Amino acid sequence: MERKNAWEKYDESGKKDVFGFSEKYRKFISSCKTERECVKESVELAKAAGYKDLYEVIKNNETLSAGDKVYAVNMNKAIVLFSIGKKPMEEGLNILGAHIDSPRLDIKQNPLYEDNGLVLMDTHYYGGIKKYQWVALPLALHGVVALKDGTSVEVCIGEKEDDPVVGVSDLLIHLASEQMTKKADKVVEGEDLNVLVGSMPAVKKTDDSDSENNQDVKEEKERVKANILSLLKEKYGIEEEDFLSAELCVVPAGPARDYGFDKSMIMGYGHDDKVCAYPSLIAQLESVKPEKTSVCILVDKEEIGSVGATGMHSRFFENMVAEVMDRCGQYSELKLRRTLTNSCMLSSDVNSAFDPNYANVNEKKNTAYFGKGVVFMKYTGSRGKSGSNDASAEYIGKLRKIMDDNNVSFQTAELGRVDLGGGGTIAYILANYGMNVIDSGVGVQNMHAPYEVISKVDLYEAYKSYKAFLKDA
């Protein structure tokens, strides 16, 4: 069942649409590298599209009806958006779900130290990474520092052209003979991912009591660290103790770039899973007066098991559905259960795109390819489908018709060979409600590396598929 290359169905005008949408996405992932930044930008886009804050609706005791649009934010790291449909919510929702966290290096709570005139920050890597890929790269620092007075300071160092960058050092090849004999997972250890942030000592202070002429110099310990702290105090107003209540992460610095001589691809940080989150968000914002209520949920913590208050395992989504039903005058516990059970969902997450350099990890008939459109994955999991949501044949048949009716290019795939691959998504969590769920997304090369690659036409087909799903499912 050979699938045609999606580029071939577009004339010059159609290709302009593909490139136009891709450029907006490229700018989005260049500026939204953390879940907090994604949520902040999503709120701005939602407000511009006429969405109201659900918490304000509740506070003001307002009601909701068909055509109304609301959003709710969870701890600044997750967001859910609703476009209220004409049909009772009890008949089910059309849901798009994706995650907005990506693998990175997190700064520890007590990170800063000086060692022989160099100042470094300790990190703890987040999500599944090849640790050796994170050395000798220009890195940027993103995040927030929460102060004791209740205010928060946003930090972003390394993204502007005149900003400094930081990085993790690598061992020169001349001295690496022992390192080169190690297994790949031991070449760079987790505790060695320390970020170098400074080497210049603070100006020496004079002590009036030391001499009559005030020329003697008072020696200070850790003067390079003192200089770094002084710079942070000057720019952000933060002290060393404030790291205790900070959420700072280290990510690749700089914007995403067009990739390939033909500019048909994008290389950038965080395609997993913003390449699904962004088109899901835009499809939701463009959903106007749907028959069934459309929903987009963008969550945190997928890369570490969807745990915690901002992950998909939390009750945030269920609670917000209940709140919206209540504002619509449709809530009861039984109706909530029926609503969730009768819903349909696209769990929008990436798949591994075929790479000729590593062809043997795939079974070619059931592999995602660049240019073949959005990818549907009946099951994920690993080794005997362990941990997988396995979508029903009936649901896939319904989706096939929706995609064909809307001229959406799609393909089906697994994540690697049977006894080799596998991966997890948020699909099985929503499937616990009894709703129809399938994984769908975009093929990615270099997945979980600092710089990943996607096809622009696959991104556009994903956007088209999400719009079609919200309209017709």
Protein backbone atom coordinates (compact mmCIF):
# COMPACT_ATOMS: atom_id res chain seq x y z
CA MET A 1 0.00 0.00 0.00
CA GLU A 2 2.31 2.71 -1.28
CA ARG A 3 1.34 6.21 -0.17
CA LYS A 4 1.96 9.11 -2.54
CA ASN A 5 4.29 11.94 -1.63
CA ALA A 6 2.09 14.76 -0.33
CA TRP A 7 4.16 17.45 -2.03
CA GLU A 8 2.96 16.18 -5.41
CA LYS A 9 -0.65 17.20 -4.84
CA TYR A 10 0.20 20.87 -4.34
CA ASP A 11 0.61 23.46 -7.07
CA GLU A 12 2.68 26.59 -6.46
CA SER A 13 -0.18 28.27 -4.61
CA GLY A 14 -0.64 25.22 -2.38
CA LYS A 15 3.07 25.06 -1.64
CA LYS A 16 2.93 28.70 -0.52
CA ASP A 17 0.31 27.66 2.03
CA VAL A 18 2.55 24.85 3.26
CA PHE A 19 5.57 27.14 3.59
CA GLY A 20 3.50 29.93 5.15
CA PHE A 21 2.12 27.70 7.89
CA SER A 22 5.56 26.18 8.46
CA GLU A 23 7.14 29.60 8.93
CA LYS A 24 4.64 30.46 11.67
CA TYR A 25 5.45 27.16 13.34
CA ARG A 26 9.20 27.75 12.99
CA LYS A 27 8.85 31.05 14.83
CA PHE A 28 6.68 29.40 17.49
CA ILE A 29 9.20 26.70 18.41
CA SER A 30 12.06 29.22 18.23
CA SER A 31 10.49 31.33 20.98
CA CYS A 32 8.57 28.64 22.92
CA LYS A 33 11.19 26.17 24.13
CA THR A 34 9.64 25.34 27.49
CA GLU A 35 6.14 24.34 28.55
CA ARG A 36 5.70 27.67 30.35
CA GLU A 37 6.57 29.60 27.22
CA CYS A 38 4.21 27.45 25.15
CA VAL A 39 1.34 28.07 27.55
CA LYS A 40 2.00 31.81 27.65
CA GLU A 41 1.98 32.04 23.85
CA SER A 42 -1.08 29.78 23.61
CA VAL A 43 -3.01 32.09 25.95
CA GLU A 44 -2.14 35.11 23.80
CA LEU A 45 -3.27 33.31 20.65
CA ALA A 46 -6.45 32.11 22.37
CA LYS A 47 -7.37 35.58 23.57
CA ALA A 48 -6.83 36.95 20.07
CA ALA A 49 -9.22 34.26 18.78
CA GLY A 50 -11.93 35.29 21.24
CA TYR A 51 -11.37 32.76 24.02
CA LYS A 52 -12.22 33.69 27.61
CA ASP A 53 -10.56 32.51 30.79
CA LEU A 54 -12.74 29.72 32.24
CA TYR A 55 -11.75 30.65 35.79
CA GLU A 56 -13.06 34.18 35.20
CA VAL A 57 -16.28 32.74 33.79
CA ILE A 58 -16.71 30.68 36.97
CA LYS A 59 -15.78 33.58 39.24
CA ASN A 60 -18.35 35.84 37.57
CA ASN A 61 -20.99 33.08 37.59
CA GLU A 62 -21.43 33.35 33.82
CA THR A 63 -23.06 30.69 31.69
CA LEU A 64 -21.77 29.12 28.50
CA SER A 65 -23.62 28.04 25.37
CA ALA A 66 -22.95 26.90 21.81
CA GLY A 67 -20.40 29.12 20.10
CA ASP A 68 -18.63 30.18 23.30
CA LYS A 69 -14.89 29.58 23.63
CA VAL A 70 -12.95 29.23 26.88
CA TYR A 71 -9.52 28.15 28.08
CA ALA A 72 -8.03 27.12 31.42
CA VAL A 73 -4.37 27.09 32.51
CA ASN A 74 -2.87 24.65 34.99
CA MET A 75 0.12 26.00 36.96
CA ASN A 76 1.38 27.82 33.85
CA LYS A 77 2.50 24.47 32.37
CA ALA A 78 -0.64 22.99 30.79
CA ILE A 79 -3.66 24.42 29.02
CA VAL A 80 -7.02 23.16 27.80
CA LEU A 81 -9.28 24.96 25.32
CA PHE A 82 -12.99 24.36 24.60
CA SER A 83 -15.11 25.51 21.68
CA ILE A 84 -18.68 24.77 22.78
CA GLY A 85 -20.64 22.82 20.17
CA LYS A 86 -24.32 22.66 19.29
CA LYS A 87 -24.83 19.10 20.51
CA PRO A 88 -25.06 18.20 24.21
CA MET A 89 -21.61 17.41 25.62
CA GLU A 90 -23.01 14.07 26.78
CA GLU A 91 -22.81 12.95 23.14
CA GLY A 92 -19.04 13.24 23.35
CA LEU A 93 -16.20 15.64 22.65
CA ASN A 94 -13.72 15.78 19.78
CA ILE A 95 -10.36 16.05 21.52
CA LEU A 96 -6.87 16.90 20.32
CA GLY A 97 -4.15 16.19 22.85
CA ALA A 98 -0.39 16.77 22.75
CA HIS A 99 2.47 17.48 25.11
CA ILE A 100 4.60 20.62 25.24
CA ASP A 101 7.57 19.42 27.32
CA SER A 102 10.76 18.23 25.63
CA PRO A 103 14.01 16.56 26.76
CA ARG A 104 16.49 19.04 28.26
CA LEU A 105 18.82 19.73 31.17
CA ASP A 106 17.23 21.04 34.38
CA ILE A 107 19.24 23.20 36.78
CA LYS A 108 19.47 21.70 40.27
CA GLN A 109 18.19 23.61 43.31
CA ASN A 110 21.68 24.23 44.70
CA PRO A 111 23.56 24.48 41.41
CA LEU A 112 26.24 27.14 41.46
CA TYR A 113 29.87 26.33 42.33
CA GLU A 114 33.40 27.45 41.53
CA ASP A 115 36.19 25.03 40.65
CA ASN A 116 39.69 26.35 39.90
CA GLY A 117 38.53 29.67 38.54
CA LEU A 118 35.56 28.35 36.57
CA VAL A 119 31.93 28.67 37.65
CA LEU A 120 29.51 25.91 36.71
CA MET A 121 25.90 24.93 37.35
CA ASP A 122 24.83 21.39 38.23
CA THR A 123 22.05 19.87 36.13
CA HIS A 124 19.73 16.86 36.18
CA TYR A 125 18.69 15.76 32.71
CA TYR A 126 14.97 15.60 31.95
CA GLY A 127 13.50 12.90 29.72
CA GLY A 128 15.24 10.32 27.56
CA ILE A 129 18.43 11.71 26.06
CA LYS A 130 21.75 10.51 24.69
CA LYS A 131 23.89 12.44 27.16
CA TYR A 132 26.90 12.69 24.86
CA GLN A 133 24.83 14.74 22.39
CA TRP A 134 24.56 17.65 24.83
CA VAL A 135 28.25 18.57 25.02
CA ALA A 136 30.05 21.26 22.99
CA LEU A 137 26.77 22.96 21.99
CA PRO A 138 25.64 26.57 22.43
CA LEU A 139 22.98 26.37 25.13
CA ALA A 140 20.53 28.89 26.57
CA LEU A 141 18.99 29.23 30.03
CA HIS A 142 15.19 29.53 30.25
CA GLY A 143 12.80 29.55 33.19
CA VAL A 144 11.46 31.35 36.22
CA VAL A 145 12.71 32.20 39.68
CA ALA A 146 10.00 32.44 42.34
CA LEU A 147 10.86 34.93 45.09
CA LYS A 148 9.75 34.84 48.70
CA ASP A 149 7.53 37.90 48.22
CA GLY A 150 5.34 35.91 45.82
CA THR A 151 6.64 37.45 42.60
CA SER A 152 8.37 35.52 39.85
CA VAL A 153 11.24 36.58 37.61
CA GLU A 154 11.41 35.26 34.05
CA VAL A 155 14.90 34.33 32.89
CA CYS A 156 16.08 33.92 29.31
CA ILE A 157 19.78 34.06 28.53
CA GLY A 158 21.26 33.01 25.21
CA GLU A 159 18.54 33.65 22.62
CA LYS A 160 19.24 37.22 21.47
CA GLU A 161 22.07 37.83 19.03
CA ASP A 162 24.06 39.81 21.60
CA ASP A 163 23.33 37.37 24.46
CA PRO A 164 26.05 35.11 25.80
CA VAL A 165 25.47 31.38 25.56
CA VAL A 166 26.57 28.64 27.97
CA GLY A 167 27.51 25.02 27.44
CA VAL A 168 28.74 21.65 28.65
CA SER A 169 32.40 21.01 27.85
CA ASP A 170 33.68 17.96 25.96
CA LEU A 171 36.94 16.10 26.34
CA LEU A 172 39.46 16.81 23.58
CA ILE A 173 40.15 13.87 21.29
CA HIS A 174 43.88 13.99 22.15
CA LEU A 175 43.11 12.89 25.73
CA ALA A 176 40.05 10.76 25.06
CA SER A 177 41.56 7.35 24.37
CA GLU A 178 40.05 5.88 27.56
CA GLN A 179 36.72 7.67 27.03
CA MET A 180 36.42 6.29 23.51
CA THR A 181 36.41 2.73 24.80
CA LYS A 182 33.29 3.30 26.93
CA LYS A 183 29.75 2.34 25.99
CA ALA A 184 27.69 5.19 24.57
CA ASP A 185 25.61 5.56 27.76
CA LYS A 186 28.81 5.98 29.79
CA VAL A 187 30.80 8.30 27.52
CA VAL A 188 29.27 11.24 29.37
CA GLU A 189 27.72 10.56 32.79
CA GLY A 190 24.69 12.42 34.11
CA GLU A 191 26.69 14.10 36.87
CA ASP A 192 29.14 15.40 34.26
CA LEU A 193 26.54 17.52 32.47
CA ASN A 194 27.66 20.64 34.31
CA VAL A 195 27.12 23.93 32.50
CA LEU A 196 30.00 26.41 32.35
CA VAL A 197 28.72 29.95 33.02
CA GLY A 198 31.73 32.11 33.88
CA SER A 199 35.48 32.55 34.38
CA MET A 200 36.10 36.22 35.27
CA PRO A 201 36.67 37.10 38.95
CA ALA A 202 35.00 40.01 40.68
CA VAL A 203 37.05 43.15 41.16
CA LYS A 204 39.16 42.93 44.31
CA LYS A 205 37.98 44.96 47.27
CA THR A 206 40.26 47.12 49.42
CA ASP A 207 40.09 47.13 53.20
CA ASP A 208 40.64 50.52 54.89
CA SER A 209 42.04 48.90 58.04
CA ASP A 210 44.85 47.07 56.23
CA SER A 211 47.13 50.03 55.51
CA GLU A 212 47.50 53.72 55.84
CA ASN A 213 47.41 54.21 52.07
CA ASN A 214 44.45 51.85 51.52
CA GLN A 215 46.45 49.94 48.89
CA ASP A 216 46.48 46.46 50.40
CA VAL A 217 44.10 44.08 48.70
CA LYS A 218 41.66 41.93 50.61
CA GLU A 219 41.69 38.37 49.25
CA GLU A 220 38.27 36.83 48.71
CA LYS A 221 37.29 33.23 48.10
CA GLU A 222 35.26 32.21 45.04
CA ARG A 223 35.56 35.57 43.37
CA VAL A 224 34.41 34.24 39.99
CA LYS A 225 31.23 32.93 41.60
CA ALA A 226 30.81 36.27 43.34
CA ASN A 227 31.01 38.00 39.97
CA ILE A 228 28.36 35.73 38.44
CA LEU A 229 26.03 36.30 41.39
CA SER A 230 26.60 40.04 41.07
CA LEU A 231 25.60 39.93 37.40
CA LEU A 232 22.45 37.92 38.20
CA LYS A 233 21.58 40.37 40.97
CA GLU A 234 22.07 43.33 38.66
CA LYS A 235 19.99 41.96 35.75
CA TYR A 236 17.34 39.89 37.50
CA GLY A 237 17.42 40.94 41.15
CA ILE A 238 17.98 37.38 42.35
CA GLU A 239 20.25 36.03 45.09
CA GLU A 240 21.92 32.61 45.31
CA GLU A 241 19.27 31.37 47.75
CA ASP A 242 16.58 32.10 45.17
CA PHE A 243 17.75 29.09 43.17
CA LEU A 244 15.94 27.00 45.80
CA SER A 245 12.60 28.10 44.33
CA ALA A 246 13.60 28.32 40.69
CA GLU A 247 12.63 26.29 37.64
CA LEU A 248 15.45 26.81 35.17
CA CYS A 249 16.34 24.62 32.24
CA VAL A 250 19.10 24.50 29.66
CA VAL A 251 18.09 24.10 26.01
CA PRO A 252 19.82 24.52 22.64
CA ALA A 253 20.30 28.19 21.86
CA GLY A 254 19.10 29.94 18.74
CA PRO A 255 16.16 29.66 16.35
CA ALA A 256 14.92 26.69 14.36
CA ARG A 257 16.23 26.71 10.80
CA ASP A 258 15.06 25.70 7.34
CA TYR A 259 16.72 22.39 6.48
CA GLY A 260 17.74 21.04 3.08
CA PHE A 261 18.70 22.86 -0.12
CA ASP A 262 15.00 22.98 -1.02
CA LYS A 263 13.99 24.27 2.43
CA SER A 264 11.46 21.42 2.62
CA MET A 265 12.31 20.58 6.23
CA ILE A 266 12.88 22.32 9.57
CA MET A 267 15.66 21.55 12.04
CA GLY A 268 15.08 22.74 15.58
CA TYR A 269 14.80 21.93 19.24
CA GLY A 270 11.57 20.47 20.62
CA HIS A 271 9.72 19.15 17.56
CA ASP A 272 8.75 16.35 19.99
CA ASP A 273 6.03 17.29 20.60
CA LYS A 274 5.49 20.90 19.58
CA VAL A 275 5.21 19.81 15.94
CA CYS A 276 1.90 18.23 17.01
CA ALA A 277 0.96 20.72 19.72
CA TYR A 278 1.12 23.79 17.46
CA PRO A 279 -1.11 22.50 14.62
CA SER A 280 -3.49 21.07 17.25
CA LEU A 281 -3.72 24.49 18.87
CA ILE A 282 -4.26 26.32 15.57
CA ALA A 283 -6.87 23.78 14.44
CA GLN A 284 -8.71 24.31 17.72
CA LEU A 285 -8.56 28.11 17.45
CA GLU A 286 -9.97 27.91 13.92
CA SER A 287 -12.83 25.62 14.97
CA VAL A 288 -15.91 27.84 14.77
CA LYS A 289 -19.34 26.75 16.08
CA PRO A 290 -18.67 23.01 15.77
CA GLU A 291 -21.45 20.45 15.96
CA LYS A 292 -19.70 18.64 18.82
CA THR A 293 -17.65 20.50 21.40
CA SER A 294 -14.02 20.58 20.31
CA VAL A 295 -11.20 20.45 22.82
CA CYS A 296 -7.44 20.88 22.72
CA ILE A 297 -5.38 19.79 25.71
CA LEU A 298 -1.64 20.58 25.85
CA VAL A 299 0.10 19.00 28.82
CA ASP A 300 3.42 18.76 30.61
CA LYS A 301 5.56 15.86 31.89
CA GLU A 302 4.95 13.37 29.05
CA GLU A 303 8.67 12.83 28.71
CA ILE A 304 8.84 11.45 32.26
CA GLY A 305 5.60 9.46 32.33
CA SER A 306 2.85 12.14 32.30
CA VAL A 307 3.00 12.31 36.09
CA GLY A 308 2.42 15.16 38.51
CA ALA A 309 -0.14 17.92 38.75
CA THR A 310 0.53 19.20 35.22
CA GLY A 311 0.82 15.82 33.49
CA MET A 312 -1.99 13.89 31.79
CA HIS A 313 -2.35 11.59 34.79
CA SER A 314 -3.65 14.50 36.86
CA ARG A 315 -7.40 15.23 37.17
CA PHE A 316 -7.03 18.67 35.54
CA PHE A 317 -8.61 17.70 32.23
CA GLU A 318 -11.51 15.82 33.82
CA ASN A 319 -12.12 18.67 36.26
CA MET A 320 -12.21 21.27 33.50
CA VAL A 321 -14.67 19.20 31.46
CA ALA A 322 -16.89 19.08 34.56
CA GLU A 323 -16.59 22.85 35.02
CA VAL A 324 -17.53 23.56 31.40
CA MET A 325 -20.50 21.20 31.61
CA ASP A 326 -21.61 22.94 34.77
CA ARG A 327 -21.41 26.38 33.09
CA CYS A 328 -23.47 24.95 30.21
CA GLY A 329 -26.09 23.64 32.64
CA GLN A 330 -25.33 20.05 31.60
CA TYR A 331 -23.39 18.69 34.56
CA SER A 332 -24.04 15.58 36.58
CA GLU A 333 -21.54 12.93 37.58
CA LEU A 334 -23.22 10.40 35.31
CA LYS A 335 -23.31 12.84 32.37
CA LEU A 336 -19.61 13.59 32.89
CA ARG A 337 -18.83 9.87 32.67
CA ARG A 338 -20.94 9.55 29.53
CA THR A 339 -19.28 12.60 28.00
CA LEU A 340 -15.81 11.17 28.47
CA THR A 341 -16.77 7.68 27.30
CA ASN A 342 -18.50 8.97 24.17
CA SER A 343 -15.59 11.19 23.16
CA CYS A 344 -13.08 10.69 20.34
CA MET A 345 -9.46 11.72 20.57
CA LEU A 346 -6.35 12.13 18.47
CA SER A 347 -3.41 11.72 20.82
CA SER A 348 -1.04 13.83 18.79
CA ASP A 349 2.54 12.68 19.22
CA VAL A 350 5.50 12.13 16.95
CA ASN A 351 6.79 8.97 15.33
CA SER A 352 10.24 8.04 14.10
CA ALA A 353 10.70 8.94 10.44
CA PHE A 354 12.64 6.56 8.20
CA ASP A 355 16.34 7.37 8.00
CA PRO A 356 18.41 5.62 5.28
CA ASN A 357 21.46 5.84 7.55
CA TYR A 358 19.73 3.56 10.07
CA ALA A 359 17.36 1.56 7.86
CA ASN A 360 17.76 -1.69 9.78
CA VAL A 361 15.85 -0.45 12.86
CA ASN A 362 12.60 -0.33 10.89
CA GLU A 363 10.25 -2.72 9.12
CA LYS A 364 9.83 -0.71 5.93
CA LYS A 365 6.18 -1.47 5.17
CA ASN A 366 5.14 -0.15 8.60
CA THR A 367 7.39 2.87 8.95
CA ALA A 368 6.74 6.62 8.75
CA TYR A 369 8.33 8.47 5.83
CA PHE A 370 8.99 12.16 5.22
CA GLY A 371 6.48 13.59 2.76
CA LYS A 372 3.82 10.90 3.16
CA GLY A 373 1.63 12.98 5.52
CA VAL A 374 0.35 12.67 9.06
CA VAL A 375 1.13 9.36 10.80
CA PHE A 376 -1.53 7.19 12.48
CA MET A 377 -0.23 4.65 14.99
CA LYS A 378 -2.77 1.99 15.92
CA TYR A 379 -0.55 1.02 18.85
CA THR A 380 2.71 2.13 20.41
CA GLY A 381 4.18 0.39 23.44
CA SER A 382 7.11 -2.02 23.19
CA ARG A 383 7.82 -5.76 23.07
CA GLY A 384 4.40 -7.23 22.60
CA LYS A 385 2.59 -3.84 22.67
CA SER A 386 3.33 -3.43 26.39
CA GLY A 387 1.89 -0.18 27.73
CA SER A 388 0.00 0.54 24.53
CA ASN A 389 -3.38 1.93 23.65
CA ASP A 390 -4.51 -0.26 20.75
CA ALA A 391 -7.11 1.66 18.73
CA SER A 392 -10.12 -0.23 17.43
CA ALA A 393 -10.53 -1.13 13.77
CA GLU A 394 -13.91 0.64 13.67
CA TYR A 395 -12.39 3.91 14.88
CA ILE A 396 -9.58 3.71 12.33
CA GLY A 397 -12.12 3.04 9.59
CA LYS A 398 -13.99 6.18 10.60
CA LEU A 399 -10.79 8.24 10.55
CA ARG A 400 -9.81 6.89 7.13
CA LYS A 401 -13.05 8.23 5.69
CA ILE A 402 -12.59 11.63 7.37
CA MET A 403 -9.07 11.96 5.99
CA ASP A 404 -10.01 10.86 2.47
CA ASP A 405 -13.09 13.11 2.39
CA ASN A 406 -10.89 16.10 3.31
CA ASN A 407 -7.99 15.24 0.99
CA VAL A 408 -5.57 14.70 3.87
CA SER A 409 -2.44 12.67 3.14
CA PHE A 410 -1.88 10.09 5.86
CA GLN A 411 0.20 7.00 6.53
CA THR A 412 0.30 4.30 9.20
CA ALA A 413 3.36 3.23 11.13
CA GLU A 414 4.89 1.54 14.14
CA LEU A 415 7.81 2.89 16.14
CA GLY A 416 10.61 0.57 15.05
CA ARG A 417 10.90 -3.18 14.61
CA VAL A 418 8.85 -5.46 16.86
CA ASP A 419 11.56 -6.46 19.33
CA LEU A 420 13.55 -3.27 19.02
CA GLY A 421 11.35 -0.20 19.19
CA GLY A 422 8.45 1.16 21.13
CA GLY A 423 7.49 4.31 22.96
CA GLY A 424 4.85 5.87 25.15
CA THR A 425 2.32 8.67 24.67
CA ILE A 426 -0.69 10.06 26.54
CA ALA A 427 -3.14 7.95 24.51
CA TYR A 428 -3.62 5.11 26.99
CA ILE A 429 -4.42 7.56 29.81
CA LEU A 430 -7.43 9.04 28.00
CA ALA A 431 -8.42 5.59 26.77
CA ASN A 432 -9.00 4.65 30.43
CA TYR A 433 -12.27 6.61 30.18
CA GLY A 434 -13.44 4.21 27.48
CA MET A 435 -13.24 6.78 24.67
CA ASN A 436 -11.86 6.11 21.20
CA VAL A 437 -8.21 7.19 21.05
CA ILE A 438 -5.46 6.79 18.48
CA ASP A 439 -1.95 8.22 18.24
CA SER A 440 -1.42 10.53 15.30
CA GLY A 441 1.38 12.92 14.55
CA VAL A 442 4.40 13.83 12.50
CA GLY A 443 7.46 11.78 11.58
CA VAL A 444 10.70 13.07 13.13
CA GLN A 445 14.35 12.33 12.49
CA ASN A 446 16.89 12.69 15.35
CA MET A 447 14.08 12.32 17.89
CA HIS A 448 15.16 13.41 21.41
CA ALA A 449 18.41 14.87 20.08
CA PRO A 450 19.09 18.57 20.74
CA TYR A 451 18.16 19.28 17.12
CA GLU A 452 15.36 17.28 15.47
CA VAL A 453 14.15 17.39 11.85
CA ILE A 454 10.63 17.34 10.36
CA SER A 455 9.08 17.70 6.91
CA LYS A 456 7.06 20.87 6.32
CA VAL A 457 4.43 19.08 4.26
CA ASP A 458 3.91 16.50 7.03
CA LEU A 459 3.38 19.36 9.49
CA TYR A 460 0.79 20.90 7.16
CA GLU A 461 -1.01 17.60 6.62
CA ALA A 462 -1.16 17.16 10.41
CA TYR A 463 -2.80 20.58 10.70
CA LYS A 464 -5.31 19.67 7.98
CA SER A 465 -6.04 16.33 9.64
CA TYR A 466 -6.71 17.96 13.01
CA LYS A 467 -9.08 20.48 11.45
CA ALA A 468 -10.92 17.70 9.60
CA PHE A 469 -11.18 15.63 12.77
CA LEU A 470 -12.67 18.45 14.82
CA LYS A 471 -15.18 19.13 12.07
CA ASP A 472 -16.27 15.63 11.11
CA ALA A 473 -15.50 13.13 13.89
